[in-house]
Amino acid sequence: MAGDLRIVVIGQAAFGEKVVDALVEKGENVVGVFCSPDAEGRPADPIKQAAEKHNIPVFQFRRMRRKVAIDAFLG
């Protein structure tokens, strides 16, 4: 059932944006989006913008294997 599962999306760019939008449109429980950190002087990643549009927490780590990233994912 929609909403019973807690979903985290890890991705980037327009494809990730479409995934986030589709999951939210279907009523799924998206609890976080993980994407690359913002690059100075460049626009925000479309997946980050989609998450912010839907009030979904955004987590940005340079390396996903670091303890802080793993803890955020498990939290």
N, C-alpha and C. Protein backbone atom coordinates (compact mmCIF):
# COMPACT_ATOMS: atom_id res chain seq x y z
N MET A 1 0.83 -1.19 0.00
CA MET A 1 0.00 0.00 0.00
C MET A 1 0.87 1.24 0.00
N ALA A 2 0.40 2.25 -0.71
CA ALA A 2 1.12 3.52 -0.74
C ALA A 2 1.20 4.10 0.66
N GLY A 3 2.37 4.60 1.02
CA GLY A 3 2.54 5.23 2.31
C GLY A 3 3.07 4.30 3.39
N ASP A 4 2.94 2.98 3.22
CA ASP A 4 3.43 2.05 4.23
C ASP A 4 4.95 1.90 4.17
N LEU A 5 5.50 2.05 3.01
CA LEU A 5 6.93 1.89 2.79
C LEU A 5 7.62 3.24 2.87
N ARG A 6 8.76 3.30 3.54
CA ARG A 6 9.55 4.54 3.61
C ARG A 6 10.58 4.47 2.49
N ILE A 7 10.52 5.41 1.56
CA ILE A 7 11.37 5.39 0.38
C ILE A 7 12.41 6.50 0.44
N VAL A 8 13.65 6.14 0.12
CA VAL A 8 14.73 7.11 -0.05
C VAL A 8 15.17 7.01 -1.50
N VAL A 9 15.32 8.15 -2.15
CA VAL A 9 15.78 8.19 -3.53
C VAL A 9 17.22 8.68 -3.54
N ILE A 10 18.09 7.92 -4.18
CA ILE A 10 19.49 8.32 -4.36
C ILE A 10 19.68 8.50 -5.86
N GLY A 11 20.01 9.73 -6.26
CA GLY A 11 20.14 9.95 -7.69
C GLY A 11 20.64 11.33 -8.03
N GLN A 12 20.41 11.69 -9.29
CA GLN A 12 20.86 12.99 -9.76
C GLN A 12 20.11 13.35 -11.04
N ALA A 13 20.17 14.60 -11.36
CA ALA A 13 19.72 15.17 -12.63
C ALA A 13 18.23 14.97 -12.90
N ALA A 14 17.87 15.15 -14.17
CA ALA A 14 16.46 15.15 -14.57
C ALA A 14 15.81 13.79 -14.35
N PHE A 15 16.55 12.69 -14.53
CA PHE A 15 15.96 11.38 -14.30
C PHE A 15 15.52 11.24 -12.85
N GLY A 16 16.39 11.63 -11.93
CA GLY A 16 16.05 11.57 -10.51
C GLY A 16 14.86 12.45 -10.17
N GLU A 17 14.80 13.61 -10.80
CA GLU A 17 13.67 14.53 -10.59
C GLU A 17 12.37 13.84 -11.00
N LYS A 18 12.38 13.17 -12.14
CA LYS A 18 11.17 12.49 -12.62
C LYS A 18 10.76 11.35 -11.68
N VAL A 19 11.74 10.66 -11.13
CA VAL A 19 11.45 9.58 -10.18
C VAL A 19 10.78 10.14 -8.94
N VAL A 20 11.35 11.21 -8.38
CA VAL A 20 10.77 11.82 -7.17
C VAL A 20 9.35 12.30 -7.45
N ASP A 21 9.17 13.03 -8.55
CA ASP A 21 7.84 13.54 -8.89
C ASP A 21 6.83 12.41 -9.07
N ALA A 22 7.23 11.32 -9.74
CA ALA A 22 6.31 10.20 -9.97
C ALA A 22 5.93 9.51 -8.66
N LEU A 23 6.91 9.31 -7.78
CA LEU A 23 6.61 8.67 -6.50
C LEU A 23 5.66 9.51 -5.66
N VAL A 24 5.90 10.82 -5.62
CA VAL A 24 5.03 11.71 -4.85
C VAL A 24 3.63 11.72 -5.46
N GLU A 25 3.56 11.77 -6.79
CA GLU A 25 2.26 11.79 -7.47
C GLU A 25 1.45 10.53 -7.16
N LYS A 26 2.14 9.40 -6.98
CA LYS A 26 1.45 8.14 -6.65
C LYS A 26 1.13 8.02 -5.16
N GLY A 27 1.54 9.02 -4.38
CA GLY A 27 1.24 9.00 -2.95
C GLY A 27 2.21 8.19 -2.12
N GLU A 28 3.37 7.87 -2.67
CA GLU A 28 4.36 7.09 -1.93
C GLU A 28 5.01 7.95 -0.85
N ASN A 29 5.53 7.30 0.17
CA ASN A 29 6.12 7.97 1.33
C ASN A 29 7.63 8.16 1.10
N VAL A 30 7.99 9.22 0.38
CA VAL A 30 9.40 9.52 0.12
C VAL A 30 9.91 10.32 1.31
N VAL A 31 10.85 9.73 2.06
CA VAL A 31 11.31 10.35 3.30
C VAL A 31 12.65 11.06 3.16
N GLY A 32 13.30 10.94 2.02
CA GLY A 32 14.56 11.63 1.83
C GLY A 32 15.10 11.46 0.42
N VAL A 33 15.91 12.43 0.02
CA VAL A 33 16.59 12.39 -1.27
C VAL A 33 18.08 12.61 -1.01
N PHE A 34 18.90 11.72 -1.54
CA PHE A 34 20.35 11.84 -1.44
C PHE A 34 20.88 12.18 -2.83
N CYS A 35 21.68 13.24 -2.89
CA CYS A 35 22.28 13.65 -4.16
C CYS A 35 23.64 14.29 -3.91
N SER A 36 24.35 14.56 -4.98
CA SER A 36 25.67 15.18 -4.87
C SER A 36 25.56 16.58 -4.29
N PRO A 37 26.62 17.04 -3.64
CA PRO A 37 26.63 18.41 -3.12
C PRO A 37 26.52 19.43 -4.25
N ASP A 38 25.98 20.59 -3.93
CA ASP A 38 25.89 21.66 -4.91
C ASP A 38 27.29 22.07 -5.37
N ALA A 39 27.42 22.36 -6.65
CA ALA A 39 28.69 22.85 -7.19
C ALA A 39 28.62 24.37 -7.27
N GLU A 40 29.66 25.01 -6.79
CA GLU A 40 29.69 26.47 -6.77
C GLU A 40 29.52 27.03 -8.18
N GLY A 41 28.63 28.00 -8.29
CA GLY A 41 28.39 28.65 -9.57
C GLY A 41 27.51 27.89 -10.54
N ARG A 42 26.96 26.77 -10.10
CA ARG A 42 26.08 25.97 -10.98
C ARG A 42 24.70 25.89 -10.35
N PRO A 43 23.69 25.72 -11.18
CA PRO A 43 22.33 25.60 -10.62
C PRO A 43 22.19 24.32 -9.79
N ALA A 44 21.23 24.34 -8.90
CA ALA A 44 20.96 23.17 -8.06
C ALA A 44 20.54 21.99 -8.93
N ASP A 45 20.87 20.80 -8.48
CA ASP A 45 20.50 19.58 -9.18
C ASP A 45 18.98 19.48 -9.26
N PRO A 46 18.42 19.10 -10.41
CA PRO A 46 16.97 18.98 -10.54
C PRO A 46 16.32 18.05 -9.51
N ILE A 47 17.01 16.99 -9.10
CA ILE A 47 16.43 16.10 -8.08
C ILE A 47 16.31 16.83 -6.74
N LYS A 48 17.29 17.68 -6.43
CA LYS A 48 17.23 18.47 -5.21
C LYS A 48 16.06 19.45 -5.27
N GLN A 49 15.88 20.09 -6.41
CA GLN A 49 14.78 21.03 -6.58
C GLN A 49 13.44 20.33 -6.43
N ALA A 50 13.32 19.11 -6.97
CA ALA A 50 12.07 18.36 -6.85
C ALA A 50 11.81 18.01 -5.38
N ALA A 51 12.84 17.59 -4.68
CA ALA A 51 12.67 17.26 -3.26
C ALA A 51 12.22 18.48 -2.47
N GLU A 52 12.86 19.60 -2.71
CA GLU A 52 12.49 20.83 -1.99
C GLU A 52 11.06 21.25 -2.33
N LYS A 53 10.67 21.08 -3.58
CA LYS A 53 9.31 21.42 -4.01
C LYS A 53 8.26 20.61 -3.23
N HIS A 54 8.61 19.37 -2.91
CA HIS A 54 7.68 18.47 -2.20
C HIS A 54 7.97 18.41 -0.69
N ASN A 55 8.82 19.30 -0.20
CA ASN A 55 9.18 19.34 1.23
C ASN A 55 9.78 18.02 1.73
N ILE A 56 10.60 17.41 0.90
CA ILE A 56 11.30 16.18 1.25
C ILE A 56 12.72 16.56 1.68
N PRO A 57 13.19 16.04 2.80
CA PRO A 57 14.56 16.35 3.24
C PRO A 57 15.60 15.94 2.19
N VAL A 58 16.60 16.80 2.01
CA VAL A 58 17.68 16.56 1.06
C VAL A 58 18.98 16.33 1.83
N PHE A 59 19.70 15.28 1.46
CA PHE A 59 20.98 14.96 2.08
C PHE A 59 22.04 14.97 0.98
N GLN A 60 23.08 15.76 1.19
CA GLN A 60 24.13 15.89 0.17
C GLN A 60 25.48 15.57 0.79
N PHE A 61 26.07 14.50 0.31
CA PHE A 61 27.37 14.06 0.80
C PHE A 61 28.28 13.81 -0.39
N ARG A 62 29.53 14.18 -0.24
CA ARG A 62 30.50 13.95 -1.30
C ARG A 62 30.76 12.45 -1.48
N ARG A 63 30.78 11.71 -0.37
CA ARG A 63 31.00 10.26 -0.42
C ARG A 63 29.91 9.56 0.39
N MET A 64 29.20 8.66 -0.25
CA MET A 64 28.11 7.95 0.42
C MET A 64 28.62 6.86 1.36
N ARG A 65 29.88 6.50 1.28
CA ARG A 65 30.42 5.44 2.15
C ARG A 65 30.88 5.96 3.50
N ARG A 66 30.85 7.26 3.70
CA ARG A 66 31.27 7.82 4.99
C ARG A 66 30.20 7.55 6.04
N LYS A 67 30.65 7.44 7.28
CA LYS A 67 29.74 7.12 8.39
C LYS A 67 28.59 8.11 8.49
N VAL A 68 28.86 9.39 8.31
CA VAL A 68 27.81 10.40 8.44
C VAL A 68 26.71 10.19 7.38
N ALA A 69 27.09 9.80 6.18
CA ALA A 69 26.11 9.54 5.12
C ALA A 69 25.32 8.26 5.44
N ILE A 70 26.01 7.24 5.89
CA ILE A 70 25.33 5.98 6.23
C ILE A 70 24.37 6.19 7.40
N ASP A 71 24.80 6.94 8.39
CA ASP A 71 23.92 7.22 9.53
C ASP A 71 22.67 8.00 9.10
N ALA A 72 22.84 8.97 8.20
CA ALA A 72 21.69 9.73 7.70
C ALA A 72 20.73 8.81 6.95
N PHE A 73 21.29 7.89 6.16
CA PHE A 73 20.46 6.96 5.40
C PHE A 73 19.68 6.03 6.33
N LEU A 74 20.33 5.54 7.35
CA LEU A 74 19.68 4.61 8.28
C LEU A 74 18.71 5.30 9.24
N GLY A 75 18.92 6.60 9.44
CA GLY A 75 18.11 7.35 10.40
C GLY A 75 16.73 7.53 9.93
